[in-house]
């Protein structure tokens, strides 16, 4: 099986140095590491909406680097620090995913 790694150092997605690949493609699947609301190694200001948008965009950037689109996403795992953020997060999530193409989710 061929394995390709993306965003190891200097790639797109969450900024700063890391000890892991941001994405790994194996067996026709792309596994994207958890992304945080960081740009150039710093957490963005602006609250849950801006932070959610950036975390999702970081995932999209890694997918794009590997040749995938949001239409290829089959599962998403979301971890928020407070359940009260889910309503705002879900609005941002729907900006990225059309209602007819929603992936499975573990939230």
PDB file of N, CA and C in Angstrom:
ATOM      1  N   UNK A   1       0.843  -1.167   0.000  1.00  0.00           N
ATOM      2  CA  UNK A   1       0.000   0.000   0.000  1.00  0.00           C
ATOM      3  C   UNK A   1       0.896   1.241   0.000  1.00  0.00           C
ATOM      4  N   UNK A   2       0.569   2.169  -0.858  1.00  0.00           N
ATOM      5  CA  UNK A   2       1.295   3.429  -0.936  1.00  0.00           C
ATOM      6  C   UNK A   2       0.791   4.396   0.137  1.00  0.00           C
ATOM      7  N   UNK A   3       1.713   5.061   0.814  1.00  0.00           N
ATOM      8  CA  UNK A   3       1.358   6.044   1.837  1.00  0.00           C
ATOM      9  C   UNK A   3       2.021   7.367   1.484  1.00  0.00           C
ATOM     10  N   UNK A   4       1.205   8.449   1.476  1.00  0.00           N
ATOM     11  CA  UNK A   4       1.730   9.790   1.219  1.00  0.00           C
ATOM     12  C   UNK A   4       1.404  10.663   2.419  1.00  0.00           C
ATOM     13  N   UNK A   5       2.339  11.537   2.771  1.00  0.00           N
ATOM     14  CA  UNK A   5       2.150  12.444   3.899  1.00  0.00           C
ATOM     15  C   UNK A   5       2.103  13.880   3.398  1.00  0.00           C
ATOM     16  N   UNK A   6       1.231  14.680   4.029  1.00  0.00           N
ATOM     17  CA  UNK A   6       1.043  16.071   3.622  1.00  0.00           C
ATOM     18  C   UNK A   6       1.219  17.000   4.812  1.00  0.00           C
ATOM     19  N   UNK A   7       1.732  18.196   4.509  1.00  0.00           N
ATOM     20  CA  UNK A   7       1.843  19.226   5.540  1.00  0.00           C
ATOM     21  C   UNK A   7       2.776  18.865   6.669  1.00  0.00           C
ATOM     22  N   UNK A   8       3.849  18.137   6.364  1.00  0.00           N
ATOM     23  CA  UNK A   8       4.758  17.712   7.429  1.00  0.00           C
ATOM     24  C   UNK A   8       5.474  18.921   8.022  1.00  0.00           C
ATOM     25  N   UNK A   9       6.053  19.752   7.208  1.00  0.00           N
ATOM     26  CA  UNK A   9       6.725  20.958   7.686  1.00  0.00           C
ATOM     27  C   UNK A   9       6.572  22.039   6.628  1.00  0.00           C
ATOM     28  N   UNK A  10       6.038  23.161   7.039  1.00  0.00           N
ATOM     29  CA  UNK A  10       5.890  24.270   6.113  1.00  0.00           C
ATOM     30  C   UNK A  10       4.704  24.142   5.181  1.00  0.00           C
ATOM     31  N   UNK A  11       3.898  23.112   5.343  1.00  0.00           N
ATOM     32  CA  UNK A  11       2.721  22.955   4.500  1.00  0.00           C
ATOM     33  C   UNK A  11       1.577  23.815   4.996  1.00  0.00           C
ATOM     34  N   UNK A  12       0.414  23.615   4.435  1.00  0.00           N
ATOM     35  CA  UNK A  12      -0.744  24.395   4.833  1.00  0.00           C
ATOM     36  C   UNK A  12      -1.383  23.787   6.067  1.00  0.00           C
ATOM     37  N   UNK A  13      -2.387  24.457   6.577  1.00  0.00           N
ATOM     38  CA  UNK A  13      -3.060  23.980   7.780  1.00  0.00           C
ATOM     39  C   UNK A  13      -2.487  24.657   9.005  1.00  0.00           C
ATOM     40  N   UNK A  14      -2.783  24.126  10.167  1.00  0.00           N
ATOM     41  CA  UNK A  14      -2.346  24.736  11.418  1.00  0.00           C
ATOM     42  C   UNK A  14      -0.858  25.045  11.364  1.00  0.00           C
ATOM     43  N   UNK A  15      -0.518  26.292  11.632  1.00  0.00           N
ATOM     44  CA  UNK A  15       0.863  26.757  11.503  1.00  0.00           C
ATOM     45  C   UNK A  15       1.766  26.273  12.613  1.00  0.00           C
ATOM     46  N   UNK A  16       3.040  26.576  12.471  1.00  0.00           N
ATOM     47  CA  UNK A  16       4.020  26.201  13.471  1.00  0.00           C
ATOM     48  C   UNK A  16       4.610  24.829  13.206  1.00  0.00           C
ATOM     49  N   UNK A  17       5.676  24.525  13.931  1.00  0.00           N
ATOM     50  CA  UNK A  17       6.305  23.217  13.755  1.00  0.00           C
ATOM     51  C   UNK A  17       5.459  22.150  14.436  1.00  0.00           C
ATOM     52  N   UNK A  18       5.577  20.947  13.948  1.00  0.00           N
ATOM     53  CA  UNK A  18       4.770  19.854  14.478  1.00  0.00           C
ATOM     54  C   UNK A  18       5.553  18.555  14.400  1.00  0.00           C
ATOM     55  N   UNK A  19       5.166  17.602  15.212  1.00  0.00           N
ATOM     56  CA  UNK A  19       5.840  16.300  15.209  1.00  0.00           C
ATOM     57  C   UNK A  19       4.997  15.248  14.497  1.00  0.00           C
ATOM     58  N   UNK A  20       4.035  15.690  13.682  1.00  0.00           N
ATOM     59  CA  UNK A  20       3.160  14.749  12.984  1.00  0.00           C
ATOM     60  C   UNK A  20       2.814  15.294  11.603  1.00  0.00           C
ATOM     61  N   UNK A  21       2.328  14.418  10.759  1.00  0.00           N
ATOM     62  CA  UNK A  21       1.822  14.841   9.455  1.00  0.00           C
ATOM     63  C   UNK A  21       0.450  15.458   9.652  1.00  0.00           C
ATOM     64  N   UNK A  22       0.136  16.472   8.876  1.00  0.00           N
ATOM     65  CA  UNK A  22      -1.185  17.093   8.965  1.00  0.00           C
ATOM     66  C   UNK A  22      -2.220  16.267   8.207  1.00  0.00           C
ATOM     67  N   UNK A  23      -1.740  15.461   7.272  1.00  0.00           N
ATOM     68  CA  UNK A  23      -2.611  14.565   6.536  1.00  0.00           C
ATOM     69  C   UNK A  23      -1.823  13.369   6.041  1.00  0.00           C
ATOM     70  N   UNK A  24      -2.454  12.202   6.041  1.00  0.00           N
ATOM     71  CA  UNK A  24      -1.821  10.982   5.538  1.00  0.00           C
ATOM     72  C   UNK A  24      -2.819  10.293   4.619  1.00  0.00           C
ATOM     73  N   UNK A  25      -2.367   9.991   3.401  1.00  0.00           N
ATOM     74  CA  UNK A  25      -3.202   9.285   2.430  1.00  0.00           C
ATOM     75  C   UNK A  25      -2.736   7.836   2.358  1.00  0.00           C
ATOM     76  N   UNK A  26      -3.679   6.918   2.576  1.00  0.00           N
ATOM     77  CA  UNK A  26      -3.360   5.491   2.537  1.00  0.00           C
ATOM     78  C   UNK A  26      -4.598   4.724   2.101  1.00  0.00           C
ATOM     79  N   UNK A  27      -4.419   3.798   1.184  1.00  0.00           N
ATOM     80  CA  UNK A  27      -5.524   2.950   0.754  1.00  0.00           C
ATOM     81  C   UNK A  27      -6.689   3.717   0.156  1.00  0.00           C
ATOM     82  N   UNK A  28      -6.407   4.840  -0.493  1.00  0.00           N
ATOM     83  CA  UNK A  28      -7.467   5.633  -1.113  1.00  0.00           C
ATOM     84  C   UNK A  28      -8.199   6.556  -0.154  1.00  0.00           C
ATOM     85  N   UNK A  29      -7.756   6.637   1.099  1.00  0.00           N
ATOM     86  CA  UNK A  29      -8.375   7.502   2.111  1.00  0.00           C
ATOM     87  C   UNK A  29      -7.372   8.561   2.546  1.00  0.00           C
ATOM     88  N   UNK A  30      -7.884   9.757   2.847  1.00  0.00           N
ATOM     89  CA  UNK A  30      -7.050  10.815   3.407  1.00  0.00           C
ATOM     90  C   UNK A  30      -7.470  11.027   4.853  1.00  0.00           C
ATOM     91  N   UNK A  31      -6.536  10.866   5.762  1.00  0.00           N
ATOM     92  CA  UNK A  31      -6.779  11.083   7.188  1.00  0.00           C
ATOM     93  C   UNK A  31      -6.149  12.422   7.556  1.00  0.00           C
ATOM     94  N   UNK A  32      -6.967  13.358   8.016  1.00  0.00           N
ATOM     95  CA  UNK A  32      -6.482  14.687   8.375  1.00  0.00           C
ATOM     96  C   UNK A  32      -6.377  14.779   9.892  1.00  0.00           C
ATOM     97  N   UNK A  33      -5.220  15.207  10.370  1.00  0.00           N
ATOM     98  CA  UNK A  33      -5.023  15.383  11.809  1.00  0.00           C
ATOM     99  C   UNK A  33      -5.939  16.477  12.338  1.00  0.00           C
ATOM    100  N   UNK A  34      -6.227  16.420  13.624  1.00  0.00           N
ATOM    101  CA  UNK A  34      -7.054  17.448  14.243  1.00  0.00           C
ATOM    102  C   UNK A  34      -6.471  18.828  14.014  1.00  0.00           C
ATOM    103  N   UNK A  35      -7.318  19.769  13.702  1.00  0.00           N
ATOM    104  CA  UNK A  35      -6.876  21.130  13.422  1.00  0.00           C
ATOM    105  C   UNK A  35      -7.415  22.088  14.473  1.00  0.00           C
ATOM    106  N   UNK A  36      -6.611  23.058  14.803  1.00  0.00           N
ATOM    107  CA  UNK A  36      -6.980  24.063  15.787  1.00  0.00           C
ATOM    108  C   UNK A  36      -7.110  25.413  15.087  1.00  0.00           C
ATOM    109  N   UNK A  37      -7.687  26.401  15.767  1.00  0.00           N
ATOM    110  CA  UNK A  37      -7.855  27.718  15.141  1.00  0.00           C
ATOM    111  C   UNK A  37      -6.565  28.531  15.202  1.00  0.00           C
ATOM    112  N   UNK A  38      -5.517  28.015  14.557  1.00  0.00           N
ATOM    113  CA  UNK A  38      -4.221  28.690  14.589  1.00  0.00           C
ATOM    114  C   UNK A  38      -3.787  29.102  13.195  1.00  0.00           C
ATOM    115  N   UNK A  39      -3.101  30.228  13.147  1.00  0.00           N
ATOM    116  CA  UNK A  39      -2.506  30.715  11.907  1.00  0.00           C
ATOM    117  C   UNK A  39      -1.102  31.186  12.258  1.00  0.00           C
ATOM    118  N   UNK A  40      -0.128  30.681  11.533  1.00  0.00           N
ATOM    119  CA  UNK A  40       1.273  31.009  11.803  1.00  0.00           C
ATOM    120  C   UNK A  40       1.658  30.718  13.255  1.00  0.00           C
ATOM    121  N   UNK A  41       1.115  29.636  13.803  1.00  0.00           N
ATOM    122  CA  UNK A  41       1.469  29.214  15.146  1.00  0.00           C
ATOM    123  C   UNK A  41       0.763  29.939  16.275  1.00  0.00           C
ATOM    124  N   UNK A  42      -0.185  30.820  15.954  1.00  0.00           N
ATOM    125  CA  UNK A  42      -0.894  31.594  16.972  1.00  0.00           C
ATOM    126  C   UNK A  42      -2.399  31.367  16.858  1.00  0.00           C
ATOM    127  N   UNK A  43      -3.088  31.252  18.013  1.00  0.00           N
ATOM    128  CA  UNK A  43      -4.551  31.133  18.014  1.00  0.00           C
ATOM    129  C   UNK A  43      -5.135  32.457  17.545  1.00  0.00           C
ATOM    130  N   UNK A  44      -6.080  32.398  16.611  1.00  0.00           N
ATOM    131  CA  UNK A  44      -6.695  33.624  16.099  1.00  0.00           C
ATOM    132  C   UNK A  44      -7.655  34.203  17.131  1.00  0.00           C
ATOM    133  N   UNK A  45      -7.759  35.506  17.123  1.00  0.00           N
ATOM    134  CA  UNK A  45      -8.712  36.212  17.978  1.00  0.00           C
ATOM    135  C   UNK A  45     -10.062  36.217  17.278  1.00  0.00           C
ATOM    136  N   UNK A  46     -11.114  36.576  18.000  1.00  0.00           N
ATOM    137  CA  UNK A  46     -12.399  36.756  17.344  1.00  0.00           C
ATOM    138  C   UNK A  46     -13.494  35.831  17.809  1.00  0.00           C
ATOM    139  N   UNK A  47     -13.203  34.883  18.667  1.00  0.00           N
ATOM    140  CA  UNK A  47     -14.264  34.039  19.186  1.00  0.00           C
ATOM    141  C   UNK A  47     -14.523  32.795  18.363  1.00  0.00           C
ATOM    142  N   UNK A  48     -15.575  32.095  18.741  1.00  0.00           N
ATOM    143  CA  UNK A  48     -15.860  30.763  18.201  1.00  0.00           C
ATOM    144  C   UNK A  48     -16.127  30.768  16.700  1.00  0.00           C
ATOM    145  N   UNK A  49     -16.775  31.787  16.175  1.00  0.00           N
ATOM    146  CA  UNK A  49     -17.089  31.804  14.743  1.00  0.00           C
ATOM    147  C   UNK A  49     -15.808  31.881  13.918  1.00  0.00           C
ATOM    148  N   UNK A  50     -14.951  32.850  14.211  1.00  0.00           N
ATOM    149  CA  UNK A  50     -13.699  32.979  13.464  1.00  0.00           C
ATOM    150  C   UNK A  50     -12.782  31.782  13.692  1.00  0.00           C
ATOM    151  N   UNK A  51     -12.757  31.275  14.918  1.00  0.00           N
ATOM    152  CA  UNK A  51     -11.907  30.125  15.214  1.00  0.00           C
ATOM    153  C   UNK A  51     -12.404  28.862  14.514  1.00  0.00           C
ATOM    154  N   UNK A  52     -13.712  28.671  14.477  1.00  0.00           N
ATOM    155  CA  UNK A  52     -14.281  27.504  13.776  1.00  0.00           C
ATOM    156  C   UNK A  52     -13.984  27.579  12.291  1.00  0.00           C
ATOM    157  N   UNK A  53     -14.167  28.762  11.728  1.00  0.00           N
ATOM    158  CA  UNK A  53     -13.928  28.946  10.299  1.00  0.00           C
ATOM    159  C   UNK A  53     -12.476  28.614   9.951  1.00  0.00           C
ATOM    160  N   UNK A  54     -11.537  29.076  10.766  1.00  0.00           N
ATOM    161  CA  UNK A  54     -10.130  28.818  10.481  1.00  0.00           C
ATOM    162  C   UNK A  54      -9.774  27.343  10.657  1.00  0.00           C
ATOM    163  N   UNK A  55     -10.284  26.697  11.694  1.00  0.00           N
ATOM    164  CA  UNK A  55      -9.984  25.276  11.904  1.00  0.00           C
ATOM    165  C   UNK A  55     -10.480  24.440  10.723  1.00  0.00           C
ATOM    166  N   UNK A  56     -11.686  24.740  10.244  1.00  0.00           N
ATOM    167  CA  UNK A  56     -12.215  24.006   9.086  1.00  0.00           C
ATOM    168  C   UNK A  56     -11.406  24.346   7.844  1.00  0.00           C
ATOM    169  N   UNK A  57     -11.071  25.620   7.659  1.00  0.00           N
ATOM    170  CA  UNK A  57     -10.282  26.015   6.488  1.00  0.00           C
ATOM    171  C   UNK A  57      -8.918  25.338   6.510  1.00  0.00           C
ATOM    172  N   UNK A  58      -8.326  25.169   7.687  1.00  0.00           N
ATOM    173  CA  UNK A  58      -7.056  24.443   7.783  1.00  0.00           C
ATOM    174  C   UNK A  58      -7.206  23.023   7.239  1.00  0.00           C
ATOM    175  N   UNK A  59      -8.320  22.371   7.559  1.00  0.00           N
ATOM    176  CA  UNK A  59      -8.590  21.024   7.021  1.00  0.00           C
ATOM    177  C   UNK A  59      -8.733  21.068   5.507  1.00  0.00           C
ATOM    178  N   UNK A  60      -9.476  22.058   5.017  1.00  0.00           N
ATOM    179  CA  UNK A  60      -9.679  22.207   3.574  1.00  0.00           C
ATOM    180  C   UNK A  60      -8.339  22.412   2.871  1.00  0.00           C
ATOM    181  N   UNK A  61      -7.456  23.217   3.456  1.00  0.00           N
ATOM    182  CA  UNK A  61      -6.146  23.463   2.845  1.00  0.00           C
ATOM    183  C   UNK A  61      -5.343  22.171   2.708  1.00  0.00           C
ATOM    184  N   UNK A  62      -5.381  21.337   3.723  1.00  0.00           N
ATOM    185  CA  UNK A  62      -4.668  20.058   3.671  1.00  0.00           C
ATOM    186  C   UNK A  62      -5.295  19.152   2.614  1.00  0.00           C
ATOM    187  N   UNK A  63      -6.629  19.108   2.583  1.00  0.00           N
ATOM    188  CA  UNK A  63      -7.324  18.299   1.582  1.00  0.00           C
ATOM    189  C   UNK A  63      -6.977  18.765   0.174  1.00  0.00           C
ATOM    190  N   UNK A  64      -6.949  20.071  -0.032  1.00  0.00           N
ATOM    191  CA  UNK A  64      -6.630  20.627  -1.346  1.00  0.00           C
ATOM    192  C   UNK A  64      -5.213  20.247  -1.753  1.00  0.00           C
ATOM    193  N   UNK A  65      -4.282  20.348  -0.821  1.00  0.00           N
ATOM    194  CA  UNK A  65      -2.897  19.958  -1.090  1.00  0.00           C
ATOM    195  C   UNK A  65      -2.820  18.504  -1.555  1.00  0.00           C
ATOM    196  N   UNK A  66      -3.688  17.658  -1.015  1.00  0.00           N
ATOM    197  CA  UNK A  66      -3.690  16.233  -1.355  1.00  0.00           C
ATOM    198  C   UNK A  66      -4.595  15.909  -2.546  1.00  0.00           C
ATOM    199  N   UNK A  67      -5.310  16.916  -3.077  1.00  0.00           N
ATOM    200  CA  UNK A  67      -6.163  16.684  -4.243  1.00  0.00           C
ATOM    201  C   UNK A  67      -7.590  16.280  -3.919  1.00  0.00           C
ATOM    202  N   UNK A  68      -8.055  16.563  -2.715  1.00  0.00           N
ATOM    203  CA  UNK A  68      -9.419  16.227  -2.298  1.00  0.00           C
ATOM    204  C   UNK A  68     -10.253  17.495  -2.149  1.00  0.00           C
ATOM    205  N   UNK A  69     -11.580  17.320  -2.117  1.00  0.00           N
ATOM    206  CA  UNK A  69     -12.503  18.429  -1.902  1.00  0.00           C
ATOM    207  C   UNK A  69     -13.452  18.079  -0.760  1.00  0.00           C
ATOM    208  N   UNK A  70     -14.262  19.036  -0.352  1.00  0.00           N
ATOM    209  CA  UNK A  70     -15.247  18.779   0.701  1.00  0.00           C
ATOM    210  C   UNK A  70     -16.240  17.695   0.295  1.00  0.00           C
ATOM    211  N   UNK A  71     -16.470  17.520  -0.991  1.00  0.00           N
ATOM    212  CA  UNK A  71     -17.383  16.472  -1.461  1.00  0.00           C
ATOM    213  C   UNK A  71     -16.843  15.077  -1.145  1.00  0.00           C
ATOM    214  N   UNK A  72     -15.554  14.966  -0.864  1.00  0.00           N
ATOM    215  CA  UNK A  72     -14.936  13.676  -0.544  1.00  0.00           C
ATOM    216  C   UNK A  72     -15.019  13.321   0.938  1.00  0.00           C
ATOM    217  N   UNK A  73     -15.442  14.249   1.777  1.00  0.00           N
ATOM    218  CA  UNK A  73     -15.455  14.025   3.229  1.00  0.00           C
ATOM    219  C   UNK A  73     -16.592  13.085   3.611  1.00  0.00           C
ATOM    220  N   UNK A  74     -16.265  12.032   4.368  1.00  0.00           N
ATOM    221  CA  UNK A  74     -17.291  11.082   4.810  1.00  0.00           C
ATOM    222  C   UNK A  74     -17.506  11.110   6.319  1.00  0.00           C
ATOM    223  N   UNK A  75     -16.543  11.646   7.074  1.00  0.00           N
ATOM    224  CA  UNK A  75     -16.675  11.662   8.538  1.00  0.00           C
ATOM    225  C   UNK A  75     -15.923  12.860   9.112  1.00  0.00           C
ATOM    226  N   UNK A  76     -16.518  13.484  10.110  1.00  0.00           N
ATOM    227  CA  UNK A  76     -15.899  14.619  10.798  1.00  0.00           C
ATOM    228  C   UNK A  76     -16.025  14.399  12.296  1.00  0.00           C
ATOM    229  N   UNK A  77     -14.950  14.649  13.017  1.00  0.00           N
ATOM    230  CA  UNK A  77     -15.000  14.605  14.482  1.00  0.00           C
ATOM    231  C   UNK A  77     -14.739  16.017  14.989  1.00  0.00           C
ATOM    232  N   UNK A  78     -15.662  16.525  15.786  1.00  0.00           N
ATOM    233  CA  UNK A  78     -15.575  17.891  16.295  1.00  0.00           C
ATOM    234  C   UNK A  78     -15.412  17.852  17.809  1.00  0.00           C
ATOM    235  N   UNK A  79     -14.428  18.580  18.292  1.00  0.00           N
ATOM    236  CA  UNK A  79     -14.230  18.713  19.735  1.00  0.00           C
ATOM    237  C   UNK A  79     -14.218  20.201  20.058  1.00  0.00           C
ATOM    238  N   UNK A  80     -15.170  20.634  20.858  1.00  0.00           N
ATOM    239  CA  UNK A  80     -15.243  22.023  21.302  1.00  0.00           C
ATOM    240  C   UNK A  80     -15.038  22.058  22.814  1.00  0.00           C
ATOM    241  N   UNK A  81     -14.536  23.168  23.320  1.00  0.00           N
ATOM    242  CA  UNK A  81     -14.274  23.276  24.759  1.00  0.00           C
ATOM    243  C   UNK A  81     -15.533  23.518  25.574  1.00  0.00           C
ATOM    244  N   UNK A  82     -16.625  23.887  24.913  1.00  0.00           N
ATOM    245  CA  UNK A  82     -17.874  24.173  25.625  1.00  0.00           C
ATOM    246  C   UNK A  82     -19.040  23.831  24.699  1.00  0.00           C
ATOM    247  N   UNK A  83     -19.965  23.023  25.175  1.00  0.00           N
ATOM    248  CA  UNK A  83     -21.111  22.600  24.356  1.00  0.00           C
ATOM    249  C   UNK A  83     -21.950  23.784  23.892  1.00  0.00           C
ATOM    250  N   UNK A  84     -21.883  24.904  24.595  1.00  0.00           N
ATOM    251  CA  UNK A  84     -22.647  26.088  24.182  1.00  0.00           C
ATOM    252  C   UNK A  84     -22.159  26.661  22.859  1.00  0.00           C
ATOM    253  N   UNK A  85     -20.981  26.252  22.408  1.00  0.00           N
ATOM    254  CA  UNK A  85     -20.433  26.743  21.143  1.00  0.00           C
ATOM    255  C   UNK A  85     -21.001  26.024  19.924  1.00  0.00           C
ATOM    256  N   UNK A  86     -21.679  24.903  20.127  1.00  0.00           N
ATOM    257  CA  UNK A  86     -22.109  24.098  18.981  1.00  0.00           C
ATOM    258  C   UNK A  86     -23.054  24.831  18.040  1.00  0.00           C
ATOM    259  N   UNK A  87     -23.951  25.637  18.542  1.00  0.00           N
ATOM    260  CA  UNK A  87     -24.875  26.350  17.658  1.00  0.00           C
ATOM    261  C   UNK A  87     -24.104  27.264  16.705  1.00  0.00           C
ATOM    262  N   UNK A  88     -23.160  28.019  17.225  1.00  0.00           N
ATOM    263  CA  UNK A  88     -22.349  28.895  16.371  1.00  0.00           C
ATOM    264  C   UNK A  88     -21.459  28.082  15.440  1.00  0.00           C
ATOM    265  N   UNK A  89     -20.864  27.015  15.968  1.00  0.00           N
ATOM    266  CA  UNK A  89     -20.019  26.159  15.136  1.00  0.00           C
ATOM    267  C   UNK A  89     -20.819  25.574  13.974  1.00  0.00           C
ATOM    268  N   UNK A  90     -22.021  25.084  14.258  1.00  0.00           N
ATOM    269  CA  UNK A  90     -22.836  24.457  13.213  1.00  0.00           C
ATOM    270  C   UNK A  90     -23.168  25.421  12.080  1.00  0.00           C
ATOM    271  N   UNK A  91     -23.358  26.698  12.384  1.00  0.00           N
ATOM    272  CA  UNK A  91     -23.601  27.688  11.326  1.00  0.00           C
ATOM    273  C   UNK A  91     -22.389  27.800  10.410  1.00  0.00           C
ATOM    274  N   UNK A  92     -21.209  27.838  10.996  1.00  0.00           N
ATOM    275  CA  UNK A  92     -19.982  27.901  10.201  1.00  0.00           C
ATOM    276  C   UNK A  92     -19.808  26.607   9.406  1.00  0.00           C
ATOM    277  N   UNK A  93     -20.067  25.470  10.034  1.00  0.00           N
ATOM    278  CA  UNK A  93     -19.944  24.167   9.382  1.00  0.00           C
ATOM    279  C   UNK A  93     -20.781  24.127   8.105  1.00  0.00           C
ATOM    280  N   UNK A  94     -21.993  24.667   8.174  1.00  0.00           N
ATOM    281  CA  UNK A  94     -22.882  24.660   7.001  1.00  0.00           C
ATOM    282  C   UNK A  94     -22.418  25.619   5.907  1.00  0.00           C
ATOM    283  N   UNK A  95     -21.563  26.567   6.245  1.00  0.00           N
ATOM    284  CA  UNK A  95     -20.958  27.411   5.209  1.00  0.00           C
ATOM    285  C   UNK A  95     -20.062  26.568   4.304  1.00  0.00           C
ATOM    286  N   UNK A  96     -19.471  25.542   4.863  1.00  0.00           N
ATOM    287  CA  UNK A  96     -18.534  24.697   4.121  1.00  0.00           C
ATOM    288  C   UNK A  96     -19.208  23.494   3.475  1.00  0.00           C
ATOM    289  N   UNK A  97     -20.207  22.932   4.140  1.00  0.00           N
ATOM    290  CA  UNK A  97     -20.846  21.711   3.655  1.00  0.00           C
ATOM    291  C   UNK A  97     -22.287  21.987   3.244  1.00  0.00           C
ATOM    292  N   UNK A  98     -22.619  21.665   2.003  1.00  0.00           N
ATOM    293  CA  UNK A  98     -24.003  21.785   1.535  1.00  0.00           C
ATOM    294  C   UNK A  98     -24.871  20.809   2.326  1.00  0.00           C
ATOM    295  N   UNK A  99     -26.112  21.168   2.557  1.00  0.00           N
ATOM    296  CA  UNK A  99     -26.996  20.332   3.376  1.00  0.00           C
ATOM    297  C   UNK A  99     -27.210  18.951   2.779  1.00  0.00           C
ATOM    298  N   UNK A 100     -27.082  18.809   1.476  1.00  0.00           N
ATOM    299  CA  UNK A 100     -27.282  17.501   0.857  1.00  0.00           C
ATOM    300  C   UNK A 100     -26.023  16.638   0.908  1.00  0.00           C
ATOM    301  N   UNK A 101     -24.900  17.202   1.318  1.00  0.00           N
ATOM    302  CA  UNK A 101     -23.632  16.460   1.342  1.00  0.00           C
ATOM    303  C   UNK A 101     -23.011  16.451   2.734  1.00  0.00           C
ATOM    304  N   UNK A 102     -23.839  16.426   3.754  1.00  0.00           N
ATOM    305  CA  UNK A 102     -23.308  16.435   5.111  1.00  0.00           C
ATOM    306  C   UNK A 102     -22.612  15.111   5.428  1.00  0.00           C
ATOM    307  N   UNK A 103     -21.394  15.170   5.955  1.00  0.00           N
ATOM    308  CA  UNK A 103     -20.701  13.938   6.334  1.00  0.00           C
ATOM    309  C   UNK A 103     -21.234  13.403   7.656  1.00  0.00           C
ATOM    310  N   UNK A 104     -20.912  12.159   7.956  1.00  0.00           N
ATOM    311  CA  UNK A 104     -21.212  11.619   9.285  1.00  0.00           C
ATOM    312  C   UNK A 104     -20.382  12.402  10.289  1.00  0.00           C
ATOM    313  N   UNK A 105     -20.835  12.448  11.537  1.00  0.00           N
ATOM    314  CA  UNK A 105     -20.128  13.269  12.507  1.00  0.00           C
ATOM    315  C   UNK A 105     -20.096  12.617  13.879  1.00  0.00           C
ATOM    316  N   UNK A 106     -18.985  12.814  14.546  1.00  0.00           N
ATOM    317  CA  UNK A 106     -18.860  12.460  15.962  1.00  0.00           C
ATOM    318  C   UNK A 106     -18.552  13.757  16.678  1.00  0.00           C
ATOM    319  N   UNK A 107     -19.528  14.254  17.405  1.00  0.00           N
ATOM    320  CA  UNK A 107     -19.315  15.554  18.058  1.00  0.00           C
ATOM    321  C   UNK A 107     -19.628  15.436  19.529  1.00  0.00           C
TER     322      UNK A 107
END
